[in-house]
N, C-alpha and C. Protein backbone atom coordinates (compact mmCIF):
# COMPACT_ATOMS: atom_id res chain seq x y z
N MET A 1 -61.95 11.69 -4.81
CA MET A 1 -60.66 11.82 -4.51
C MET A 1 -60.17 10.33 -3.43
N VAL A 2 -58.92 10.16 -3.64
CA VAL A 2 -58.67 8.99 -2.98
C VAL A 2 -57.95 9.46 -1.89
N GLU A 3 -58.26 8.60 -0.43
CA GLU A 3 -57.75 9.04 0.80
C GLU A 3 -56.66 8.09 1.23
N LEU A 4 -55.31 8.58 1.27
CA LEU A 4 -54.51 7.75 2.15
C LEU A 4 -54.62 7.51 3.58
N PRO A 5 -54.30 5.95 3.73
CA PRO A 5 -54.70 5.61 5.12
C PRO A 5 -54.00 6.54 5.85
N LYS A 6 -54.17 6.74 7.45
CA LYS A 6 -53.56 7.79 8.22
C LYS A 6 -52.15 6.97 8.70
N ASN A 7 -52.02 5.79 8.96
CA ASN A 7 -50.31 5.56 8.83
C ASN A 7 -49.98 5.12 7.55
N HIS A 8 -49.88 6.10 6.51
CA HIS A 8 -48.69 6.07 5.68
C HIS A 8 -47.68 6.39 5.86
N GLY A 9 -47.12 6.65 6.97
CA GLY A 9 -45.59 7.09 7.42
C GLY A 9 -45.24 5.63 7.68
N ILE A 10 -45.54 4.62 8.01
CA ILE A 10 -45.10 3.48 8.25
C ILE A 10 -45.24 2.69 7.26
N TYR A 11 -45.84 2.92 6.29
CA TYR A 11 -45.56 2.17 4.90
C TYR A 11 -44.31 2.20 4.15
N PHE A 12 -44.06 4.00 4.36
CA PHE A 12 -43.02 4.48 3.71
C PHE A 12 -41.48 4.07 4.55
N PHE A 13 -41.65 3.67 5.81
CA PHE A 13 -40.73 3.25 6.68
C PHE A 13 -40.29 1.94 6.29
N LEU A 14 -41.34 0.73 6.16
CA LEU A 14 -41.09 -0.48 5.76
C LEU A 14 -40.59 -0.37 4.39
N ILE A 15 -40.80 0.09 3.38
CA ILE A 15 -40.39 0.36 2.24
C ILE A 15 -38.87 0.61 2.08
N PHE A 16 -38.53 1.43 3.12
CA PHE A 16 -37.36 2.08 3.09
C PHE A 16 -36.41 0.87 3.78
N LEU A 17 -36.81 0.72 4.99
CA LEU A 17 -36.05 -0.76 5.36
C LEU A 17 -35.74 -1.82 4.46
N LEU A 18 -37.09 -2.44 3.77
CA LEU A 18 -36.80 -3.38 2.65
C LEU A 18 -35.50 -3.13 1.97
N LEU A 19 -35.70 -1.82 1.37
CA LEU A 19 -34.79 -1.41 0.32
C LEU A 19 -33.36 -1.39 1.15
N SER A 20 -33.40 -1.20 2.07
CA SER A 20 -31.70 -0.67 2.85
C SER A 20 -31.26 -2.69 3.03
N LEU A 21 -32.46 -3.05 3.37
CA LEU A 21 -31.49 -4.66 3.46
C LEU A 21 -31.47 -5.15 2.30
N ALA A 22 -32.32 -4.74 1.41
CA ALA A 22 -31.63 -5.51 -0.21
C ALA A 22 -30.39 -4.84 -0.63
N SER A 23 -30.00 -3.47 -0.75
CA SER A 23 -28.66 -3.22 -0.98
C SER A 23 -27.94 -3.87 0.31
N GLN A 24 -27.87 -4.00 1.37
CA GLN A 24 -26.69 -4.69 2.24
C GLN A 24 -26.53 -6.02 2.06
N LEU A 25 -27.51 -6.86 1.46
CA LEU A 25 -27.35 -8.14 1.25
C LEU A 25 -26.58 -8.44 -0.44
N SER A 26 -27.03 -7.36 -1.19
CA SER A 26 -26.10 -7.47 -2.37
C SER A 26 -24.68 -7.15 -2.27
N LEU A 27 -24.17 -6.34 -0.90
CA LEU A 27 -22.85 -6.12 -0.96
C LEU A 27 -22.20 -7.36 -0.08
N ALA A 28 -23.19 -8.31 0.42
CA ALA A 28 -22.50 -9.21 1.22
C ALA A 28 -21.49 -10.15 0.43
N ARG A 29 -20.38 -10.72 0.98
CA ARG A 29 -19.50 -11.41 0.31
C ARG A 29 -20.02 -12.67 0.51
N PRO A 30 -19.95 -13.93 -0.69
CA PRO A 30 -20.15 -15.15 -0.45
C PRO A 30 -19.62 -15.69 0.89
N SER A 31 -20.57 -16.80 1.60
CA SER A 31 -20.01 -17.44 2.74
C SER A 31 -19.04 -18.41 2.50
N LYS A 32 -18.92 -18.95 1.35
CA LYS A 32 -18.14 -20.34 0.93
C LYS A 32 -16.74 -19.66 0.16
N GLU A 33 -15.45 -19.88 0.86
CA GLU A 33 -14.52 -19.48 0.21
C GLU A 33 -14.50 -19.93 -0.89
N LEU A 34 -13.65 -19.06 -2.02
CA LEU A 34 -13.46 -19.32 -3.40
C LEU A 34 -12.45 -20.23 -3.55
N LYS A 35 -12.74 -21.10 -4.92
CA LYS A 35 -11.55 -21.88 -5.15
C LYS A 35 -11.25 -21.30 -6.34
N PRO A 36 -9.68 -21.49 -6.63
CA PRO A 36 -9.47 -20.66 -8.13
C PRO A 36 -9.52 -21.58 -9.23
N CYS A 37 -9.88 -20.99 -10.27
CA CYS A 37 -10.28 -21.77 -11.72
C CYS A 37 -9.25 -22.68 -12.32
N LYS A 38 -8.11 -21.82 -12.18
CA LYS A 38 -6.87 -22.33 -12.78
C LYS A 38 -5.83 -22.04 -11.68
N HIS A 39 -4.61 -23.20 -11.34
CA HIS A 39 -3.74 -22.99 -10.41
C HIS A 39 -2.45 -23.25 -11.16
N ILE A 40 -1.35 -22.61 -11.13
CA ILE A 40 -0.30 -22.71 -11.75
C ILE A 40 1.06 -22.46 -10.55
N VAL A 41 2.06 -23.60 -10.49
CA VAL A 41 3.28 -23.03 -9.66
C VAL A 41 4.27 -23.10 -10.47
N LEU A 42 4.97 -22.03 -10.46
CA LEU A 42 6.41 -22.19 -11.37
C LEU A 42 7.50 -21.16 -10.90
N HIS A 43 8.63 -21.76 -11.08
CA HIS A 43 10.02 -20.92 -10.23
C HIS A 43 10.21 -19.78 -11.34
N MET A 44 10.66 -18.64 -10.90
CA MET A 44 11.28 -17.80 -11.92
C MET A 44 12.87 -17.83 -11.45
N HIS A 45 13.67 -17.62 -12.15
CA HIS A 45 15.20 -17.57 -12.39
C HIS A 45 15.68 -16.16 -12.37
N GLN A 46 16.61 -15.61 -11.70
CA GLN A 46 17.08 -14.23 -11.92
C GLN A 46 18.41 -14.23 -11.81
N VAL A 47 19.16 -14.14 -12.86
CA VAL A 47 20.44 -14.06 -12.96
C VAL A 47 21.21 -12.68 -12.98
N ILE A 48 21.76 -12.45 -11.72
CA ILE A 48 22.28 -11.00 -11.82
C ILE A 48 23.21 -10.62 -12.45
N PHE A 49 23.58 -9.25 -13.07
CA PHE A 49 24.46 -8.81 -14.09
C PHE A 49 25.71 -8.76 -13.02
N ASN A 50 26.96 -9.18 -13.42
CA ASN A 50 27.93 -9.04 -12.56
C ASN A 50 29.03 -8.32 -13.38
N GLY A 51 29.01 -7.65 -14.25
CA GLY A 51 29.94 -6.90 -15.48
C GLY A 51 30.84 -7.88 -16.41
N SER A 52 30.60 -9.23 -16.19
CA SER A 52 31.01 -10.04 -17.45
C SER A 52 30.07 -11.12 -17.86
N ASN A 53 29.09 -11.50 -17.22
CA ASN A 53 28.07 -12.47 -17.52
C ASN A 53 26.74 -11.62 -18.39
N SER A 54 27.03 -10.97 -19.30
CA SER A 54 26.10 -10.47 -20.21
C SER A 54 25.44 -11.68 -20.90
N ALA A 55 25.77 -12.76 -21.20
CA ALA A 55 25.16 -13.45 -22.26
C ALA A 55 24.25 -14.56 -21.45
N ASN A 56 24.27 -14.40 -19.97
CA ASN A 56 23.58 -15.40 -19.29
C ASN A 56 22.59 -14.61 -18.34
N THR A 57 23.17 -13.05 -17.80
CA THR A 57 21.87 -12.24 -17.09
C THR A 57 20.73 -12.29 -17.72
N THR A 58 19.88 -11.80 -16.43
CA THR A 58 18.45 -11.75 -17.06
C THR A 58 17.64 -10.53 -16.40
N ARG A 59 18.84 -9.97 -16.01
CA ARG A 59 18.23 -8.64 -15.30
C ARG A 59 19.30 -7.29 -15.54
N ALA A 60 18.79 -5.96 -15.89
CA ALA A 60 19.95 -5.05 -15.86
C ALA A 60 19.00 -4.13 -15.21
N ALA A 61 20.38 -3.18 -14.65
CA ALA A 61 19.71 -1.60 -13.93
C ALA A 61 19.57 -0.90 -15.03
N VAL A 62 18.55 -0.07 -14.98
CA VAL A 62 18.49 1.18 -16.00
C VAL A 62 18.76 2.43 -15.21
N THR A 63 18.66 2.37 -13.83
CA THR A 63 19.25 3.48 -13.31
C THR A 63 20.28 3.01 -12.22
N SER A 64 21.10 4.16 -12.18
CA SER A 64 21.78 3.84 -10.83
C SER A 64 21.38 4.42 -9.58
N PRO A 65 21.69 3.75 -8.38
CA PRO A 65 21.26 4.06 -6.99
C PRO A 65 21.63 5.62 -7.04
N VAL A 66 20.48 6.29 -6.28
CA VAL A 66 20.46 7.52 -5.94
C VAL A 66 20.90 8.11 -4.78
N GLY A 67 21.27 7.15 -3.92
CA GLY A 67 21.87 7.16 -2.84
C GLY A 67 21.18 7.73 -1.36
N LEU A 68 19.45 7.43 -1.42
CA LEU A 68 18.81 7.95 -0.53
C LEU A 68 18.48 6.50 0.08
N GLY A 69 19.28 6.17 1.54
CA GLY A 69 18.65 5.15 2.13
C GLY A 69 19.88 3.95 1.61
N HIS A 70 19.60 2.93 2.38
CA HIS A 70 20.80 1.78 2.36
C HIS A 70 19.96 0.68 1.36
N PHE A 71 18.97 0.95 0.60
CA PHE A 71 18.40 -0.05 -0.05
C PHE A 71 18.03 0.22 -1.33
N ALA A 72 18.80 0.83 -2.27
CA ALA A 72 18.75 1.21 -3.26
C ALA A 72 17.62 1.72 -4.14
N PHE A 73 16.96 2.73 -2.98
CA PHE A 73 15.72 3.25 -3.03
C PHE A 73 15.76 4.35 -4.63
N GLY A 74 15.01 4.17 -5.53
CA GLY A 74 14.55 4.71 -6.50
C GLY A 74 15.15 4.10 -7.80
N GLN A 75 16.08 3.12 -7.38
CA GLN A 75 16.75 2.25 -8.28
C GLN A 75 15.71 1.47 -9.35
N VAL A 76 15.82 1.37 -10.61
CA VAL A 76 14.75 0.80 -11.34
C VAL A 76 15.57 -0.46 -12.36
N PHE A 77 14.96 -1.62 -12.27
CA PHE A 77 15.44 -2.90 -13.05
C PHE A 77 14.79 -3.11 -13.89
N ILE A 78 15.20 -3.58 -14.97
CA ILE A 78 14.17 -4.61 -16.11
C ILE A 78 14.52 -6.00 -15.87
N PHE A 79 13.62 -6.96 -16.32
CA PHE A 79 13.72 -8.61 -16.46
C PHE A 79 13.27 -9.14 -17.47
N ASP A 80 14.12 -10.37 -17.80
CA ASP A 80 13.45 -11.18 -18.52
C ASP A 80 14.03 -12.46 -18.28
N ASN A 81 13.29 -12.98 -17.47
CA ASN A 81 13.31 -14.41 -16.59
C ASN A 81 12.82 -15.48 -16.93
N PRO A 82 13.75 -16.60 -17.10
CA PRO A 82 12.62 -17.92 -17.56
C PRO A 82 12.22 -18.24 -16.28
N MET A 83 10.62 -18.99 -16.53
CA MET A 83 9.95 -19.42 -15.15
C MET A 83 9.87 -21.20 -15.59
N THR A 84 10.36 -22.11 -14.88
CA THR A 84 10.41 -23.57 -15.04
C THR A 84 9.23 -23.81 -14.07
N LYS A 85 8.86 -25.31 -14.49
CA LYS A 85 8.20 -26.03 -13.22
C LYS A 85 8.54 -26.57 -12.24
N ASP A 86 10.08 -26.44 -12.22
CA ASP A 86 10.59 -27.36 -11.20
C ASP A 86 11.68 -25.94 -10.74
N GLN A 87 12.50 -26.62 -10.00
CA GLN A 87 13.67 -25.41 -9.42
C GLN A 87 14.85 -25.23 -10.15
N ASN A 88 14.88 -26.20 -11.11
CA ASN A 88 16.22 -26.22 -12.23
C ASN A 88 16.50 -25.19 -13.37
N LEU A 89 17.10 -24.17 -13.19
CA LEU A 89 17.45 -23.27 -14.18
C LEU A 89 17.54 -23.85 -15.43
N LEU A 90 17.96 -25.01 -15.62
CA LEU A 90 18.49 -25.21 -17.17
C LEU A 90 17.19 -26.20 -17.34
N SER A 91 16.20 -26.33 -16.58
CA SER A 91 14.68 -27.22 -17.14
C SER A 91 14.35 -26.22 -18.15
N PRO A 92 13.35 -26.86 -19.36
CA PRO A 92 12.70 -25.95 -20.38
C PRO A 92 12.03 -24.65 -19.75
N PRO A 93 11.79 -23.47 -20.24
CA PRO A 93 11.02 -22.80 -19.60
C PRO A 93 9.43 -23.11 -19.98
N ALA A 94 8.48 -22.85 -18.78
CA ALA A 94 7.13 -22.83 -19.28
C ALA A 94 6.71 -21.63 -19.47
N ALA A 95 7.42 -20.78 -19.15
CA ALA A 95 6.93 -19.37 -19.72
C ALA A 95 8.21 -18.52 -19.24
N ARG A 96 7.83 -16.75 -19.61
CA ARG A 96 9.05 -15.98 -18.97
C ARG A 96 8.52 -14.88 -18.35
N ALA A 97 9.05 -14.12 -17.17
CA ALA A 97 8.26 -13.28 -16.47
C ALA A 97 9.44 -12.09 -17.33
N GLN A 98 8.82 -11.14 -17.84
CA GLN A 98 9.22 -9.68 -18.19
C GLN A 98 8.83 -8.86 -17.93
N GLY A 99 9.43 -7.81 -17.57
CA GLY A 99 8.73 -6.36 -16.99
C GLY A 99 10.03 -5.70 -16.13
N PHE A 100 9.55 -5.07 -15.25
CA PHE A 100 10.47 -4.20 -14.37
C PHE A 100 9.97 -4.12 -12.84
N TYR A 101 11.17 -3.55 -12.27
CA TYR A 101 10.28 -3.23 -10.85
C TYR A 101 11.27 -2.37 -10.17
N PHE A 102 11.13 -1.20 -9.17
CA PHE A 102 12.03 -0.44 -8.32
C PHE A 102 11.80 -0.49 -6.93
N TYR A 103 12.99 -0.14 -6.21
CA TYR A 103 13.17 0.04 -5.02
C TYR A 103 12.24 1.14 -4.46
N ASN A 104 11.33 0.92 -3.48
CA ASN A 104 10.43 2.01 -3.17
C ASN A 104 10.29 2.23 -1.91
N MET A 105 11.03 1.89 -0.97
CA MET A 105 11.34 2.14 0.13
C MET A 105 12.85 2.66 0.80
N LYS A 106 13.16 3.48 1.62
CA LYS A 106 14.32 3.60 2.07
C LYS A 106 14.77 3.01 3.16
N THR A 107 13.76 2.64 3.92
CA THR A 107 14.40 1.98 5.21
C THR A 107 14.31 0.61 5.49
N VAL A 108 13.74 0.04 4.42
CA VAL A 108 13.57 -1.83 4.11
C VAL A 108 13.59 -1.83 2.76
N PRO A 109 14.37 -3.29 2.36
CA PRO A 109 14.13 -3.39 1.04
C PRO A 109 12.65 -4.08 0.65
N SER A 110 12.22 -3.18 -0.81
CA SER A 110 10.97 -3.23 -0.89
C SER A 110 10.74 -3.05 -2.39
N ALA A 111 10.41 -3.69 -3.26
CA ALA A 111 10.23 -3.46 -4.30
C ALA A 111 8.82 -3.17 -4.94
N TRP A 112 8.35 -2.41 -5.93
CA TRP A 112 7.16 -2.41 -6.39
C TRP A 112 7.54 -2.83 -8.12
N MET A 113 6.44 -3.88 -8.76
CA MET A 113 6.75 -4.59 -9.63
C MET A 113 5.56 -4.71 -10.61
N ALA A 114 5.85 -4.77 -11.92
CA ALA A 114 4.71 -5.16 -12.88
C ALA A 114 5.69 -5.40 -14.05
N PHE A 115 5.18 -7.01 -14.35
CA PHE A 115 5.37 -7.99 -15.09
C PHE A 115 4.15 -8.37 -15.99
N THR A 116 4.64 -9.27 -16.85
CA THR A 116 3.92 -10.36 -17.79
C THR A 116 4.27 -11.48 -17.67
N LEU A 117 3.90 -12.39 -17.51
CA LEU A 117 4.07 -13.86 -17.94
C LEU A 117 4.02 -14.17 -19.08
N VAL A 118 4.81 -14.68 -20.27
CA VAL A 118 4.61 -14.88 -21.38
C VAL A 118 4.64 -16.32 -21.68
N PHE A 119 3.53 -16.93 -21.79
CA PHE A 119 3.50 -18.46 -21.97
C PHE A 119 3.44 -18.86 -23.60
N ASN A 120 4.22 -19.58 -24.03
CA ASN A 120 4.36 -19.88 -25.70
C ASN A 120 4.63 -21.47 -25.47
N SER A 121 3.65 -22.44 -24.89
CA SER A 121 3.76 -23.77 -24.86
C SER A 121 2.81 -24.57 -25.82
N THR A 122 2.71 -25.67 -25.78
CA THR A 122 1.83 -26.72 -26.15
C THR A 122 0.60 -26.81 -25.27
N GLU A 123 1.19 -26.16 -23.83
CA GLU A 123 0.40 -26.59 -22.54
C GLU A 123 -0.78 -25.32 -22.37
N HIS A 124 0.18 -24.02 -22.56
CA HIS A 124 -0.31 -22.65 -22.54
C HIS A 124 -0.13 -21.58 -23.45
N LYS A 125 -0.89 -20.90 -24.06
CA LYS A 125 -0.68 -19.86 -24.78
C LYS A 125 -1.39 -18.69 -24.44
N GLY A 126 -0.43 -17.41 -24.21
CA GLY A 126 -1.11 -16.02 -23.88
C GLY A 126 0.06 -15.60 -22.58
N THR A 127 -0.64 -14.71 -21.82
CA THR A 127 -0.11 -13.66 -21.09
C THR A 127 -0.81 -13.68 -19.86
N ILE A 128 -0.13 -13.71 -18.68
CA ILE A 128 -0.78 -12.86 -17.44
C ILE A 128 0.06 -11.66 -16.89
N ASN A 129 -0.76 -10.75 -16.65
CA ASN A 129 -0.17 -9.67 -16.27
C ASN A 129 -0.23 -9.39 -14.55
N VAL A 130 0.99 -8.67 -13.61
CA VAL A 130 0.95 -9.16 -12.70
C VAL A 130 1.68 -7.68 -12.09
N MET A 131 1.35 -7.23 -10.99
CA MET A 131 1.53 -5.96 -10.30
C MET A 131 1.34 -5.76 -8.70
N GLY A 132 2.23 -4.82 -8.34
CA GLY A 132 2.16 -4.73 -6.77
C GLY A 132 3.15 -4.91 -6.17
N SER A 133 3.29 -4.56 -4.71
CA SER A 133 4.16 -4.17 -3.89
C SER A 133 4.91 -5.29 -3.43
N ASN A 134 6.27 -6.00 -3.48
CA ASN A 134 6.86 -6.97 -3.18
C ASN A 134 8.04 -6.34 -1.70
N PHE A 135 7.48 -6.63 -0.44
CA PHE A 135 7.68 -6.50 0.81
C PHE A 135 8.78 -7.40 0.91
N ILE A 136 10.05 -7.62 0.49
CA ILE A 136 10.93 -8.40 0.60
C ILE A 136 11.45 -9.21 1.96
N PRO A 137 11.13 -8.28 3.13
CA PRO A 137 11.61 -9.28 4.45
C PRO A 137 10.60 -10.38 4.70
N ALA A 138 9.39 -10.10 4.07
CA ALA A 138 8.15 -11.19 4.15
C ALA A 138 8.55 -12.22 3.96
N LYS A 139 8.32 -13.47 4.32
CA LYS A 139 8.27 -14.81 4.00
C LYS A 139 7.44 -14.77 2.92
N THR A 140 6.27 -14.91 2.70
CA THR A 140 5.28 -14.67 1.74
C THR A 140 4.77 -13.22 1.53
N ARG A 141 4.95 -13.21 0.17
CA ARG A 141 4.24 -12.26 -0.60
C ARG A 141 3.49 -11.95 -1.51
N TYR A 142 2.24 -11.07 -1.88
CA TYR A 142 0.93 -11.34 -2.85
C TYR A 142 1.33 -10.23 -3.82
N LEU A 143 1.05 -10.54 -4.77
CA LEU A 143 0.87 -9.82 -6.20
C LEU A 143 -0.41 -10.05 -6.59
N SER A 144 -0.89 -8.75 -7.22
CA SER A 144 -2.09 -8.71 -7.85
C SER A 144 -2.09 -9.20 -9.56
N VAL A 145 -2.74 -10.16 -9.60
CA VAL A 145 -2.98 -10.72 -11.12
C VAL A 145 -4.00 -9.77 -11.78
N VAL A 146 -3.78 -8.84 -12.61
CA VAL A 146 -4.89 -7.92 -13.17
C VAL A 146 -5.35 -8.01 -14.65
N GLY A 147 -4.73 -9.24 -15.18
CA GLY A 147 -5.50 -9.57 -16.72
C GLY A 147 -4.48 -10.53 -17.27
N GLY A 148 -5.11 -10.50 -18.55
CA GLY A 148 -4.35 -11.80 -19.45
C GLY A 148 -4.87 -11.41 -20.76
N THR A 149 -4.28 -12.42 -21.65
CA THR A 149 -4.35 -12.70 -23.19
C THR A 149 -4.61 -14.00 -23.42
N GLY A 150 -5.16 -14.63 -24.41
CA GLY A 150 -5.16 -16.22 -24.65
C GLY A 150 -5.60 -17.09 -23.88
N ASP A 151 -5.09 -17.93 -23.74
CA ASP A 151 -5.76 -18.80 -22.47
C ASP A 151 -5.98 -18.23 -20.97
N PHE A 152 -5.34 -17.09 -20.98
CA PHE A 152 -5.95 -16.63 -19.52
C PHE A 152 -6.43 -15.02 -19.79
N PHE A 153 -7.43 -14.97 -20.61
CA PHE A 153 -8.08 -13.81 -21.24
C PHE A 153 -8.98 -13.10 -20.04
N MET A 154 -8.44 -11.74 -19.96
CA MET A 154 -9.14 -11.14 -18.78
C MET A 154 -9.13 -11.75 -17.37
N THR A 155 -8.22 -12.47 -16.93
CA THR A 155 -8.13 -13.18 -15.74
C THR A 155 -7.81 -12.20 -14.63
N ARG A 156 -8.48 -12.79 -13.57
CA ARG A 156 -7.85 -11.93 -12.11
C ARG A 156 -7.48 -12.92 -11.17
N GLY A 157 -6.81 -12.51 -10.28
CA GLY A 157 -6.21 -13.43 -9.24
C GLY A 157 -5.22 -12.93 -8.06
N ILE A 158 -4.29 -14.05 -7.91
CA ILE A 158 -3.28 -13.51 -6.85
C ILE A 158 -2.15 -14.66 -7.30
N LEU A 159 -0.83 -13.61 -7.08
CA LEU A 159 0.53 -14.56 -7.22
C LEU A 159 0.99 -14.54 -5.95
N GLU A 160 1.29 -15.61 -5.50
CA GLU A 160 2.10 -15.70 -4.22
C GLU A 160 3.53 -15.97 -4.17
N ILE A 161 4.27 -15.30 -3.83
CA ILE A 161 5.81 -15.18 -4.02
C ILE A 161 6.79 -15.89 -2.62
N GLU A 162 7.48 -16.64 -2.84
CA GLU A 162 8.14 -17.35 -1.52
C GLU A 162 9.66 -17.33 -2.00
N GLU A 163 10.59 -16.80 -1.39
CA GLU A 163 11.90 -16.83 -1.81
C GLU A 163 12.18 -18.26 -1.87
N ASP A 164 13.22 -19.01 -3.05
CA ASP A 164 13.19 -20.54 -3.02
C ASP A 164 14.57 -20.60 -3.27
N GLY A 165 15.76 -19.78 -3.30
CA GLY A 165 17.03 -20.20 -3.40
C GLY A 165 17.71 -18.45 -3.64
N VAL A 166 18.63 -18.49 -2.96
CA VAL A 166 19.89 -17.63 -3.24
C VAL A 166 21.02 -17.61 -2.99
N VAL A 167 21.94 -17.02 -4.35
CA VAL A 167 23.37 -16.84 -4.34
C VAL A 167 23.49 -15.42 -4.31
N PRO A 168 23.89 -14.71 -3.04
CA PRO A 168 23.89 -13.17 -2.87
C PRO A 168 24.76 -12.66 -4.01
N PHE A 169 24.14 -11.53 -4.70
CA PHE A 169 24.72 -10.68 -5.79
C PHE A 169 25.24 -11.58 -7.17
N VAL A 170 24.22 -13.11 -7.52
CA VAL A 170 24.80 -13.62 -8.40
C VAL A 170 23.50 -13.98 -9.04
N TYR A 171 22.41 -14.70 -8.13
CA TYR A 171 21.28 -15.40 -8.63
C TYR A 171 20.24 -15.86 -7.53
N PHE A 172 18.99 -15.33 -7.60
CA PHE A 172 18.17 -15.78 -6.97
C PHE A 172 16.63 -16.72 -7.67
N ARG A 173 16.23 -17.30 -6.96
CA ARG A 173 14.85 -18.07 -7.47
C ARG A 173 13.50 -17.75 -6.77
N LEU A 174 12.55 -17.72 -7.10
CA LEU A 174 11.35 -17.16 -6.52
C LEU A 174 10.23 -18.34 -6.71
N LYS A 175 9.55 -18.81 -6.00
CA LYS A 175 8.69 -19.61 -6.14
C LYS A 175 7.27 -18.85 -6.55
N MET A 176 6.67 -19.27 -7.64
CA MET A 176 5.38 -18.19 -7.77
C MET A 176 4.29 -19.33 -7.79
N ASP A 177 3.20 -19.12 -7.12
CA ASP A 177 2.06 -20.14 -6.55
C ASP A 177 0.93 -18.96 -7.30
N ILE A 178 0.36 -19.14 -8.60
CA ILE A 178 -0.33 -18.33 -9.07
C ILE A 178 -1.74 -19.08 -9.10
N LYS A 179 -2.92 -18.46 -8.45
CA LYS A 179 -3.90 -18.63 -8.57
C LYS A 179 -5.29 -17.81 -8.67
N LEU A 180 -5.71 -18.44 -9.62
CA LEU A 180 -6.62 -17.60 -11.03
C LEU A 180 -7.97 -17.65 -10.17
N TYR A 181 -8.65 -16.41 -10.23
CA TYR A 181 -10.37 -16.91 -9.82
C TYR A 181 -11.37 -16.21 -11.02
N GLU A 182 -10.78 -15.68 -11.92
CA GLU A 182 -11.65 -15.26 -13.08
C GLU A 182 -10.65 -15.79 -14.16
N CYS A 183 -11.63 -16.95 -14.84
CA CYS A 183 -11.40 -17.42 -15.92
C CYS A 183 -12.61 -17.52 -16.75
N TYR A 184 -12.11 -17.14 -18.09
CA TYR A 184 -12.95 -17.26 -19.59
C TYR A 184 -12.80 -18.33 -20.64
């Protein structure tokens, strides 16, 4: 019969300690800052429907305001907006932003968005899927890039939004800084 050393409890403790340390190290974040594998800056142009510009509008209300709060709480919009490389609405589109958003706060303007950037050019083909909360009063807002197709197959990243130009109740432009961190 084999006899165990009298201090076998110390061996079990050391093994437990090593396994615990190894699991903690595997959860640690990399010490260097990640750099995006793709970086695209585009400008989204939205022409708001005013009752007579149906040929040019890029957004439509799906529901009427429900009357809860001052910020169109519960109202849903769909959109099909051109995305250009510069700030000019009449520049050739590099992509289109197609999706919806709804106002999700009663006390401040905020919208939850889900949309797809559709690319069909010689430079890029495919889609980038985006979703998240857009807290409108903030100077810079961030949405999650949750996937894509074609040139952007299964991509992940962040989309940074800044207001770039506004004509109240007529038009607005957003600068979208897209940083992709998973590229296949």
